[in-house]
N, C-alpha and C. Protein backbone atom coordinates (compact mmCIF):
# COMPACT_ATOMS: atom_id res chain seq x y z
N MET A 1 3.77 320.55 140.17
CA MET A 1 3.98 319.83 138.93
C MET A 1 4.74 319.83 137.99
N PHE A 2 5.59 320.90 138.45
CA PHE A 2 7.16 321.27 137.77
C PHE A 2 8.38 320.56 138.18
N ARG A 3 8.32 320.59 139.65
CA ARG A 3 9.40 320.32 140.30
C ARG A 3 10.03 318.88 140.53
N LYS A 4 9.46 317.82 139.88
CA LYS A 4 10.15 316.57 139.51
C LYS A 4 10.96 316.40 138.08
N TYR A 5 10.65 317.79 137.27
CA TYR A 5 11.32 317.76 136.12
C TYR A 5 12.56 318.62 136.34
N HIS A 6 12.75 319.38 137.36
CA HIS A 6 14.01 320.01 137.32
C HIS A 6 15.26 318.88 137.87
N TYR A 7 16.47 319.30 137.10
CA TYR A 7 17.45 318.52 137.28
C TYR A 7 18.39 318.51 138.31
N LEU A 8 18.23 319.80 139.04
CA LEU A 8 19.10 320.15 140.33
C LEU A 8 18.56 319.45 141.48
N ASN A 9 17.43 320.09 141.82
CA ASN A 9 16.56 319.84 142.74
C ASN A 9 15.20 320.06 142.84
N ASN A 10 14.50 319.88 143.74
CA ASN A 10 12.98 320.29 143.58
C ASN A 10 12.72 321.30 144.61
N SER A 11 13.66 322.20 145.10
CA SER A 11 12.94 323.23 146.14
C SER A 11 13.01 324.53 145.40
N ILE A 12 12.26 325.43 145.85
CA ILE A 12 12.79 326.87 145.25
C ILE A 12 12.62 327.74 146.68
N LEU A 13 13.45 328.89 146.49
CA LEU A 13 13.61 329.72 147.77
C LEU A 13 12.18 330.53 148.05
N VAL A 14 11.72 330.79 149.02
CA VAL A 14 10.68 331.11 149.47
C VAL A 14 10.40 332.38 148.95
N SER A 15 11.49 333.26 148.64
CA SER A 15 11.37 334.39 148.14
C SER A 15 11.26 334.69 146.90
N ALA A 16 11.02 333.65 146.21
CA ALA A 16 11.18 333.50 144.74
C ALA A 16 9.50 334.28 144.04
N ARG A 17 9.54 334.84 142.95
CA ARG A 17 8.60 335.29 142.08
C ARG A 17 8.49 333.96 141.18
N CYS A 18 7.43 333.67 141.16
CA CYS A 18 7.06 332.61 139.93
C CYS A 18 5.94 332.84 138.72
N PHE A 19 6.21 332.51 137.59
CA PHE A 19 5.82 333.06 136.75
C PHE A 19 5.19 331.53 135.79
N ILE A 20 4.27 331.56 135.07
CA ILE A 20 3.91 330.04 134.38
C ILE A 20 3.55 330.43 133.23
N ALA A 21 3.78 329.77 132.08
CA ALA A 21 3.39 330.07 130.77
C ALA A 21 2.36 328.95 130.35
N PHE A 22 1.17 329.23 129.63
CA PHE A 22 0.16 328.12 129.42
C PHE A 22 -0.13 328.04 127.83
N TYR A 23 -0.46 327.04 127.46
CA TYR A 23 -0.88 326.53 126.41
C TYR A 23 -2.12 326.04 126.29
N ASN A 24 -2.97 326.44 125.66
CA ASN A 24 -4.41 326.20 125.85
C ASN A 24 -5.12 326.06 127.03
N LYS A 25 -4.57 327.07 127.93
CA LYS A 25 -5.13 326.75 129.37
C LYS A 25 -4.34 325.74 130.27
N ILE A 26 -3.33 325.09 129.92
CA ILE A 26 -2.85 324.44 130.37
C ILE A 26 -1.46 324.88 130.91
N PRO A 27 -1.08 324.72 132.23
CA PRO A 27 0.49 325.19 132.35
C PRO A 27 1.43 324.01 131.98
N VAL A 28 2.24 324.78 131.14
CA VAL A 28 3.62 324.29 130.49
C VAL A 28 4.91 324.43 130.85
N ALA A 29 4.91 325.26 131.26
CA ALA A 29 6.25 325.87 131.79
C ALA A 29 6.44 327.00 132.95
N PHE A 30 7.43 326.81 133.66
CA PHE A 30 7.49 327.52 135.06
C PHE A 30 8.61 328.38 135.20
N GLU A 31 8.95 329.35 135.59
CA GLU A 31 10.06 330.00 136.04
C GLU A 31 10.11 330.88 137.27
N ALA A 32 11.10 330.64 138.17
CA ALA A 32 11.21 331.35 139.41
C ALA A 32 12.41 332.10 139.46
N ILE A 33 12.13 333.54 139.75
CA ILE A 33 13.20 334.53 140.03
C ILE A 33 13.50 334.82 141.77
N VAL A 34 14.39 335.24 141.92
CA VAL A 34 14.96 335.86 143.34
C VAL A 34 15.72 337.32 142.97
N LYS A 35 15.27 338.07 143.91
CA LYS A 35 15.97 339.49 144.02
C LYS A 35 17.37 339.17 144.42
N LEU A 36 18.53 339.78 143.87
CA LEU A 36 19.78 339.82 144.26
C LEU A 36 20.03 340.97 145.14
N PHE A 37 20.79 340.67 146.41
CA PHE A 37 21.10 341.96 146.99
C PHE A 37 22.61 342.09 146.94
N SER A 38 23.02 343.01 146.69
CA SER A 38 24.34 343.40 146.43
C SER A 38 24.60 345.03 146.71
N ARG A 39 25.86 344.92 147.16
CA ARG A 39 26.10 346.78 147.56
C ARG A 39 26.59 347.24 146.39
N TYR A 40 27.14 346.46 145.26
CA TYR A 40 27.49 347.08 143.96
C TYR A 40 26.71 347.39 143.21
N SER A 41 25.43 346.53 142.95
CA SER A 41 24.25 347.03 142.01
C SER A 41 23.00 346.91 142.75
N LYS A 42 21.96 347.54 142.34
CA LYS A 42 20.70 347.42 142.95
C LYS A 42 19.97 347.09 141.89
N ASN A 43 18.69 346.66 142.15
CA ASN A 43 17.63 346.38 141.03
C ASN A 43 18.17 345.26 140.26
N ILE A 44 18.51 344.15 140.82
CA ILE A 44 18.91 343.00 139.98
C ILE A 44 18.03 341.73 140.25
N TYR A 45 17.43 341.03 139.24
CA TYR A 45 17.07 339.70 139.83
C TYR A 45 17.79 338.47 138.99
N ARG A 46 17.67 337.22 139.48
CA ARG A 46 18.37 336.25 138.81
C ARG A 46 17.39 335.26 138.72
N GLY A 47 17.52 334.47 137.76
CA GLY A 47 16.87 333.29 137.41
C GLY A 47 17.22 332.35 138.37
N HIS A 48 16.12 331.52 139.09
CA HIS A 48 16.32 330.58 140.00
C HIS A 48 15.88 329.26 139.53
N ARG A 49 14.73 329.02 139.03
CA ARG A 49 14.59 327.60 138.09
C ARG A 49 13.60 328.15 136.97
N VAL A 50 13.83 327.16 135.86
CA VAL A 50 13.16 327.44 134.63
C VAL A 50 12.97 325.96 134.49
N VAL A 51 11.69 325.45 134.31
CA VAL A 51 11.44 324.10 133.82
C VAL A 51 10.07 324.13 132.72
N THR A 52 10.34 323.23 131.56
CA THR A 52 9.39 323.17 130.79
C THR A 52 8.93 321.58 130.69
N LEU A 53 7.56 321.21 130.72
CA LEU A 53 7.25 319.85 130.96
C LEU A 53 7.68 319.09 129.77
N PRO A 54 7.99 317.90 129.73
CA PRO A 54 8.55 317.13 128.59
C PRO A 54 7.70 317.07 127.80
N ASP A 55 6.54 317.19 127.50
CA ASP A 55 6.03 317.25 126.34
C ASP A 55 5.94 318.43 125.63
N TYR A 56 6.30 319.46 126.19
CA TYR A 56 6.40 320.77 125.45
C TYR A 56 7.89 321.30 125.22
N GLN A 57 8.84 320.21 125.55
CA GLN A 57 10.15 320.73 125.50
C GLN A 57 10.66 321.09 124.04
N GLY A 58 11.40 322.08 123.67
CA GLY A 58 12.20 321.72 122.20
C GLY A 58 11.31 322.75 121.25
N VAL A 59 10.21 323.45 121.82
CA VAL A 59 9.79 324.26 120.60
C VAL A 59 9.76 325.75 121.18
N GLY A 60 10.84 326.05 122.14
CA GLY A 60 10.97 327.32 122.47
C GLY A 60 9.81 328.00 123.47
N ILE A 61 9.35 327.34 124.14
CA ILE A 61 8.50 327.96 125.08
C ILE A 61 9.36 328.42 126.46
N GLY A 62 10.08 327.77 126.82
CA GLY A 62 11.12 328.00 127.78
C GLY A 62 11.86 329.26 127.64
N VAL A 63 12.46 329.53 126.61
CA VAL A 63 13.24 330.59 126.14
C VAL A 63 12.21 331.63 126.14
N ASN A 64 10.98 331.46 125.68
CA ASN A 64 10.27 332.66 125.36
C ASN A 64 9.67 333.26 126.74
N LEU A 65 9.55 332.19 127.58
CA LEU A 65 9.21 332.64 129.26
C LEU A 65 10.36 333.57 129.82
N ILE A 66 11.54 332.84 129.52
CA ILE A 66 12.42 333.61 130.26
C ILE A 66 12.63 335.26 129.52
N ASN A 67 12.51 335.19 128.32
CA ASN A 67 12.59 336.55 127.44
C ASN A 67 11.59 337.59 128.06
N TYR A 68 10.23 336.79 128.14
CA TYR A 68 9.10 337.51 128.65
C TYR A 68 9.51 338.11 130.14
N VAL A 69 9.92 337.35 130.92
CA VAL A 69 10.11 337.73 132.16
C VAL A 69 11.17 338.83 132.28
N ALA A 70 12.45 338.55 131.56
CA ALA A 70 13.84 339.57 131.21
C ALA A 70 13.12 340.97 130.68
N GLU A 71 12.18 340.87 129.90
CA GLU A 71 12.06 342.07 129.21
C GLU A 71 10.81 342.85 130.33
N TYR A 72 10.18 342.10 131.02
CA TYR A 72 9.07 342.68 132.02
C TYR A 72 9.78 343.37 132.97
N LEU A 73 11.07 342.74 133.30
CA LEU A 73 11.81 343.26 134.51
C LEU A 73 12.58 344.65 133.90
N LYS A 74 12.91 344.54 132.77
CA LYS A 74 13.92 345.82 132.18
C LYS A 74 12.81 346.95 131.94
N GLN A 75 11.70 346.74 131.59
CA GLN A 75 10.47 347.88 131.48
C GLN A 75 10.17 348.21 132.69
N ASN A 76 10.46 347.56 133.85
CA ASN A 76 10.21 347.88 135.29
C ASN A 76 11.73 348.24 135.82
N ASN A 77 12.51 348.85 134.96
CA ASN A 77 13.78 349.33 135.51
C ASN A 77 14.81 348.36 136.70
N PHE A 78 14.49 347.02 136.17
CA PHE A 78 15.72 346.00 136.83
C PHE A 78 16.30 345.24 135.81
N ARG A 79 17.52 344.80 136.32
CA ARG A 79 18.30 343.88 135.47
C ARG A 79 18.00 342.41 135.82
N PHE A 80 18.27 341.79 134.63
CA PHE A 80 17.89 340.19 134.94
C PHE A 80 19.37 339.52 134.42
N VAL A 81 19.80 338.55 135.25
CA VAL A 81 20.88 337.75 135.11
C VAL A 81 20.43 336.27 135.29
N TRP A 82 20.97 335.47 134.62
CA TRP A 82 20.83 334.05 135.14
C TRP A 82 21.90 333.12 134.53
N THR A 83 22.12 331.87 135.27
CA THR A 83 23.41 331.21 135.04
C THR A 83 22.60 329.81 134.71
N SER A 84 23.56 328.96 133.82
CA SER A 84 22.82 327.63 133.17
C SER A 84 23.71 326.96 132.59
N SER A 85 23.65 325.63 132.74
CA SER A 85 24.41 324.62 132.35
C SER A 85 23.94 323.68 131.12
N ASN A 86 22.60 324.13 130.84
CA ASN A 86 21.74 323.37 129.78
C ASN A 86 22.38 323.82 128.41
N PRO A 87 22.60 322.87 127.84
CA PRO A 87 23.04 323.15 126.07
C PRO A 87 22.24 324.18 125.33
N ALA A 88 20.95 323.42 125.51
CA ALA A 88 20.09 324.34 124.39
C ALA A 88 19.91 325.87 125.04
N LEU A 89 19.84 325.88 126.19
CA LEU A 89 19.75 327.54 126.53
C LEU A 89 20.98 328.08 126.34
N ILE A 90 22.03 327.46 126.51
CA ILE A 90 23.31 328.30 126.26
C ILE A 90 23.37 328.52 124.71
N ASN A 91 23.09 327.62 124.05
CA ASN A 91 23.19 327.66 122.54
C ASN A 91 22.14 329.04 122.13
N TYR A 92 20.67 328.77 122.64
CA TYR A 92 20.09 330.01 122.08
C TYR A 92 20.55 331.22 122.50
N CYS A 93 21.14 331.62 123.69
CA CYS A 93 21.57 333.03 124.18
C CYS A 93 23.03 333.28 123.28
N LYS A 94 23.75 332.23 122.89
CA LYS A 94 24.87 332.59 121.88
C LYS A 94 24.42 333.52 120.71
N TYR A 95 23.48 332.92 120.38
CA TYR A 95 22.79 333.65 118.94
C TYR A 95 21.70 335.02 119.22
N ASP A 96 21.27 334.92 120.35
CA ASP A 96 20.30 335.66 120.51
C ASP A 96 21.04 337.10 121.08
N LYS A 97 20.71 338.25 120.29
CA LYS A 97 21.69 339.43 120.67
C LYS A 97 20.98 340.15 122.15
N LYS A 98 19.83 339.78 122.33
CA LYS A 98 19.18 340.34 123.68
C LYS A 98 20.04 339.78 124.85
N TRP A 99 21.09 339.02 124.78
CA TRP A 99 21.57 338.40 126.02
C TRP A 99 23.14 338.55 125.57
N LYS A 100 24.06 338.76 127.08
CA LYS A 100 25.39 339.25 127.04
C LYS A 100 25.93 338.29 127.83
N LEU A 101 26.93 337.45 127.34
CA LEU A 101 27.61 336.58 128.07
C LEU A 101 28.40 337.20 129.20
N THR A 102 28.36 336.86 130.30
CA THR A 102 29.13 337.42 131.74
C THR A 102 30.16 336.47 132.09
N PHE A 103 29.82 335.11 131.72
CA PHE A 103 30.87 334.29 132.33
C PHE A 103 30.72 332.81 131.57
N TYR A 104 31.93 331.97 131.32
CA TYR A 104 31.98 330.78 130.68
C TYR A 104 32.86 329.95 131.30
N GLY A 105 32.59 328.79 131.90
CA GLY A 105 33.85 327.99 132.08
C GLY A 105 33.02 326.83 133.03
N ARG A 106 34.17 326.26 133.82
CA ARG A 106 33.56 324.91 134.38
C ARG A 106 33.77 325.67 135.95
N LYS A 107 34.50 326.34 136.18
CA LYS A 107 34.64 326.63 137.72
C LYS A 107 34.57 328.30 137.84
N SER A 108 34.26 329.01 139.12
CA SER A 108 34.16 330.09 139.08
C SER A 108 34.66 330.53 140.59
N LYS A 109 35.25 331.74 140.59
CA LYS A 109 35.84 332.05 141.87
C LYS A 109 35.13 333.03 142.71
N HIS A 110 34.84 332.48 143.84
CA HIS A 110 33.82 333.33 145.06
C HIS A 110 34.63 333.41 146.25
N MET A 111 34.61 334.73 146.92
CA MET A 111 35.54 334.84 148.01
C MET A 111 36.78 334.33 148.21
N GLY A 112 37.69 334.18 146.95
CA GLY A 112 39.00 333.46 147.23
C GLY A 112 38.81 332.17 146.78
N LYS A 113 37.74 331.27 146.76
CA LYS A 113 37.70 330.02 146.83
C LYS A 113 37.19 329.60 145.45
N PHE A 114 37.50 328.59 144.50
CA PHE A 114 37.03 328.22 143.57
C PHE A 114 35.86 327.41 143.74
N ILE A 115 34.88 327.62 143.06
CA ILE A 115 33.39 326.80 143.12
C ILE A 115 32.86 326.33 142.04
N SER A 116 32.10 325.59 141.73
CA SER A 116 31.29 325.26 140.51
C SER A 116 29.83 324.78 141.07
N GLY A 117 28.77 324.75 140.49
CA GLY A 117 27.40 324.01 140.52
C GLY A 117 27.61 322.81 139.64
N SER A 118 28.48 322.70 138.67
CA SER A 118 28.27 321.97 137.61
C SER A 118 29.72 321.52 137.30
N GLU A 119 30.41 320.60 137.90
CA GLU A 119 31.99 320.55 137.54
C GLU A 119 32.28 319.64 136.27
N LYS A 120 31.24 319.27 135.60
CA LYS A 120 31.24 318.23 134.50
C LYS A 120 30.60 318.77 132.98
N ARG A 121 29.94 320.13 133.44
CA ARG A 121 29.28 320.69 132.50
C ARG A 121 29.93 321.97 132.41
N VAL A 122 30.02 322.53 131.03
CA VAL A 122 30.41 323.95 130.98
C VAL A 122 29.12 324.69 131.59
N THR A 123 29.28 325.93 132.36
CA THR A 123 28.42 326.84 132.93
C THR A 123 28.71 328.03 132.46
N THR A 124 27.41 328.79 131.89
CA THR A 124 27.48 329.99 131.63
C THR A 124 26.81 331.10 132.30
N SER A 125 26.88 332.05 132.36
CA SER A 125 26.03 333.32 133.13
C SER A 125 25.77 334.52 132.01
N TRP A 126 24.64 334.94 131.88
CA TRP A 126 24.02 335.94 130.95
C TRP A 126 23.11 337.07 131.61
N GLU A 127 23.35 338.19 131.18
CA GLU A 127 22.56 339.15 131.44
C GLU A 127 21.51 339.58 130.22
N TYR A 128 20.52 339.96 130.68
CA TYR A 128 19.31 340.47 129.47
C TYR A 128 19.80 341.87 129.28
N THR A 129 20.13 342.30 128.05
CA THR A 129 20.43 343.89 127.58
C THR A 129 19.07 344.40 126.77
N GLY A 130 18.32 343.21 126.49
CA GLY A 130 17.14 343.55 125.21
C GLY A 130 17.56 344.21 124.06
N GLU A 131 18.70 344.56 123.71
CA GLU A 131 19.37 345.38 122.70
C GLU A 131 19.59 344.11 121.35
N THR A 132 19.16 344.65 120.29
CA THR A 132 19.06 343.47 119.16
C THR A 132 20.07 343.83 118.25
N LYS A 133 21.13 344.79 118.24
CA LYS A 133 22.01 345.28 117.59
C LYS A 133 23.07 344.34 117.11
């Protein structure tokens, strides 16, 4: 029910852990996360998909779901990171002290090559710290 509302594509990784936000027993938002496997850092999940149904957008359900999942992971000794080019999500994280900006730009460098998932929009990456100072 959420796949047709995601702007990139409608598939998620088979290894994704999925979370649903409900309003009056109606599913209204979806988030998928995946475990990052890195030799440099253990215990990291990254946001894979987040979708709020159109009738429920703009009231904070999506960001509250992201924060809930991030805090859940933090309480279980995991880190949480995500990347987005969605202007509303970027603006939200700019002012929420629980999130730390780790990348801002149009292109990123990976294995010596410049790549980008969104060449026409600014892309940002964030890490959840949970700190409110």
